[in-house]
Protein backbone atom coordinates (compact mmCIF):
# COMPACT_ATOMS: atom_id res chain seq x y z
CA UNK A 1 19.16 -95.74 77.85
CA UNK A 2 21.36 -92.87 78.50
CA UNK A 3 22.10 -90.28 75.92
CA UNK A 4 25.70 -89.62 74.93
CA UNK A 5 26.72 -86.05 75.59
CA UNK A 6 28.45 -84.29 72.69
CA UNK A 7 29.69 -80.79 73.30
CA UNK A 8 28.71 -78.38 70.49
CA UNK A 9 30.72 -75.40 69.35
CA UNK A 10 28.68 -72.36 68.78
CA UNK A 11 29.02 -70.89 65.24
CA UNK A 12 30.42 -67.57 66.47
CA UNK A 13 33.02 -69.39 68.53
CA UNK A 14 34.00 -71.53 65.54
CA UNK A 15 34.38 -68.37 63.43
CA UNK A 16 36.55 -66.71 66.07
CA UNK A 17 38.81 -69.77 66.29
CA UNK A 18 39.19 -69.78 62.49
CA UNK A 19 40.14 -66.08 62.41
CA UNK A 20 42.69 -66.61 65.20
CA UNK A 21 44.20 -69.58 63.42
CA UNK A 22 44.59 -67.70 60.13
CA UNK A 23 45.95 -64.47 61.60
CA UNK A 24 48.40 -66.16 63.93
CA UNK A 25 50.33 -67.80 61.09
CA UNK A 26 53.58 -65.88 60.59
CA UNK A 27 53.67 -64.14 57.23
CA UNK A 28 56.92 -63.40 55.52
CA UNK A 29 56.85 -60.53 53.09
CA UNK A 30 58.39 -61.03 49.72
CA UNK A 31 60.54 -58.39 48.15
CA UNK A 32 60.72 -57.94 44.43
CA UNK A 33 63.85 -56.70 42.85
CA UNK A 34 63.24 -53.69 40.69
CA UNK A 35 64.53 -54.12 37.21
CA UNK A 36 63.86 -52.78 33.78
CA UNK A 37 62.07 -54.70 31.12
CA UNK A 38 63.22 -53.71 27.66
CA UNK A 39 60.75 -54.46 24.93
CA UNK A 40 61.34 -53.51 21.33
CA UNK A 41 58.31 -53.60 19.06
CA UNK A 42 59.07 -53.43 15.38
CA UNK A 43 57.14 -51.01 13.17
CA UNK A 44 54.48 -52.55 10.97
CA UNK A 45 53.03 -51.06 7.79
CA UNK A 46 50.74 -53.20 5.63
CA UNK A 47 48.23 -52.21 2.98
CA UNK A 48 45.52 -54.86 3.05
CA UNK A 49 43.43 -53.80 0.03
CA UNK A 50 42.17 -50.85 -1.99
CA UNK A 51 39.23 -50.13 -4.26
CA UNK A 52 38.47 -47.21 -6.61
CA UNK A 53 35.07 -46.28 -8.03
CA UNK A 54 33.93 -43.37 -10.21
CA UNK A 55 31.33 -40.93 -8.93
CA UNK A 56 27.88 -41.10 -10.56
CA UNK A 57 27.98 -37.73 -12.35
CA UNK A 58 31.00 -36.37 -14.22
CA UNK A 59 31.61 -32.68 -14.96
CA UNK A 60 32.84 -31.87 -18.44
CA UNK A 61 36.53 -32.68 -18.63
CA UNK A 62 36.77 -33.89 -15.04
CA UNK A 63 36.79 -37.36 -13.50
CA UNK A 64 35.93 -37.80 -9.85
CA UNK A 65 35.64 -40.78 -7.61
CA UNK A 66 36.27 -42.42 -4.28
CA UNK A 67 39.11 -44.73 -3.36
CA UNK A 68 39.08 -46.73 -0.14
CA UNK A 69 42.08 -48.48 1.34
CA UNK A 70 42.47 -50.74 4.35
CA UNK A 71 45.75 -50.62 6.24
CA UNK A 72 47.47 -51.79 9.41
CA UNK A 73 50.24 -49.75 10.94
CA UNK A 74 52.31 -49.37 14.07
CA UNK A 75 55.10 -46.81 14.14
CA UNK A 76 57.98 -46.59 16.57
CA UNK A 77 58.68 -43.74 18.98
CA UNK A 78 61.01 -42.08 16.49
CA UNK A 79 59.45 -43.19 13.21
CA UNK A 80 56.45 -42.52 11.08
CA UNK A 81 54.52 -43.86 8.12
CA UNK A 82 53.03 -42.59 4.87
CA UNK A 83 50.28 -43.78 2.53
CA UNK A 84 51.02 -42.97 -1.09
CA UNK A 85 49.03 -43.10 -4.29
CA UNK A 86 50.62 -43.74 -7.68
CA UNK A 87 48.77 -42.23 -10.59
CA UNK A 88 50.28 -42.17 -14.08
CA UNK A 89 49.17 -38.69 -15.08
CA UNK A 90 52.27 -36.54 -14.40
CA UNK A 91 51.50 -32.82 -14.32
CA UNK A 92 47.76 -33.29 -13.82
CA UNK A 93 46.35 -31.47 -10.79
CA UNK A 94 44.41 -33.73 -8.44
CA UNK A 95 42.04 -32.32 -5.81
CA UNK A 96 41.45 -34.63 -2.89
CA UNK A 97 39.99 -35.09 0.58
CA UNK A 98 41.41 -37.85 2.82
CA UNK A 99 39.34 -39.25 5.70
CA UNK A 100 41.05 -41.47 8.26
CA UNK A 101 39.62 -42.94 11.48
CA UNK A 102 40.34 -40.85 14.55
CA UNK A 103 41.46 -37.73 12.73
CA UNK A 104 39.97 -34.79 10.91
CA UNK A 105 39.66 -35.01 7.14
CA UNK A 106 42.45 -33.29 5.25
CA UNK A 107 42.18 -31.82 1.79
CA UNK A 108 44.63 -30.71 -0.80
CA UNK A 109 45.34 -29.95 -4.38
CA UNK A 110 48.61 -31.07 -5.92
CA UNK A 111 50.24 -31.52 -9.27
CA UNK A 112 51.19 -35.14 -9.77
CA UNK A 113 55.00 -35.33 -9.92
CA UNK A 114 56.94 -37.04 -12.71
CA UNK A 115 57.24 -40.15 -10.53
CA UNK A 116 53.44 -40.29 -10.33
CA UNK A 117 53.66 -40.82 -6.54
CA UNK A 118 51.69 -38.52 -4.28
CA UNK A 119 51.63 -38.83 -0.47
CA UNK A 120 48.02 -38.66 0.73
CA UNK A 121 48.47 -39.41 4.46
CA UNK A 122 51.27 -39.12 7.00
CA UNK A 123 51.46 -40.72 10.44
CA UNK A 124 53.80 -39.58 13.20
CA UNK A 125 55.66 -41.45 15.94
CA UNK A 126 53.72 -43.95 18.07
CA UNK A 127 50.79 -44.10 15.64
CA UNK A 128 48.79 -47.28 15.29
CA UNK A 129 45.67 -48.68 13.69
CA UNK A 130 43.31 -51.18 15.25
CA UNK A 131 44.48 -54.80 15.28
CA UNK A 132 42.09 -55.65 12.45
CA UNK A 133 43.19 -52.61 10.45
CA UNK A 134 41.59 -49.27 9.65
CA UNK A 135 39.92 -48.04 6.48
CA UNK A 136 40.71 -44.69 4.89
CA UNK A 137 38.82 -42.93 2.14
CA UNK A 138 40.19 -40.65 -0.58
CA UNK A 139 37.66 -38.55 -2.50
CA UNK A 140 39.33 -37.17 -5.61
CA UNK A 141 38.84 -35.27 -8.85
CA UNK A 142 41.27 -34.73 -11.72
CA UNK A 143 41.23 -33.77 -15.40
CA UNK A 144 39.81 -36.47 -17.66
CA UNK A 145 42.41 -38.08 -19.88
CA UNK A 146 40.00 -39.06 -22.66
CA UNK A 147 38.67 -42.14 -20.86
CA UNK A 148 35.50 -42.37 -18.80
CA UNK A 149 37.02 -45.20 -16.74
CA UNK A 150 38.62 -44.72 -13.36
CA UNK A 151 42.35 -44.15 -13.78
CA UNK A 152 44.54 -46.93 -12.39
CA UNK A 153 45.51 -45.90 -8.87
CA UNK A 154 47.95 -47.96 -6.87
CA UNK A 155 48.21 -47.36 -3.14
CA UNK A 156 51.21 -48.22 -0.98
CA UNK A 157 52.27 -47.70 2.62
CA UNK A 158 55.74 -47.35 4.07
CA UNK A 159 57.27 -47.09 7.54
CA UNK A 160 60.21 -44.78 8.10
């Protein structure tokens, strides 16, 4: 019996035909209008938690310890934020070192004002923490007030 003849396309020829078919299709460019997207992100300042512990050894007449605080913040382009500590020992001089992620430690010595509120960290415009929050550490010492317990320290954060 006779064999049926089937013409075969060579692979290179098939590839060339495919390229010609794709490149011969007229393409119409799209133009995008240029506009401005305005996005306003509100500042966020949240203190998640804080903890204060006394140091192992106490000098005579002096209490020292470490306070840690976890915070989330996002400031605007014109705003800022501050972390404050409230300590009910007006007039007492507190020595402290503040360590925050991404910045050098800062130290100071300040008399606690009558309000008991002392600012321990400031953040400028466009500052932000990680999404999960950052942890700061305050190492402090102050005159003992007759008690060997850690003084009650209350931390707060505010956007401005």
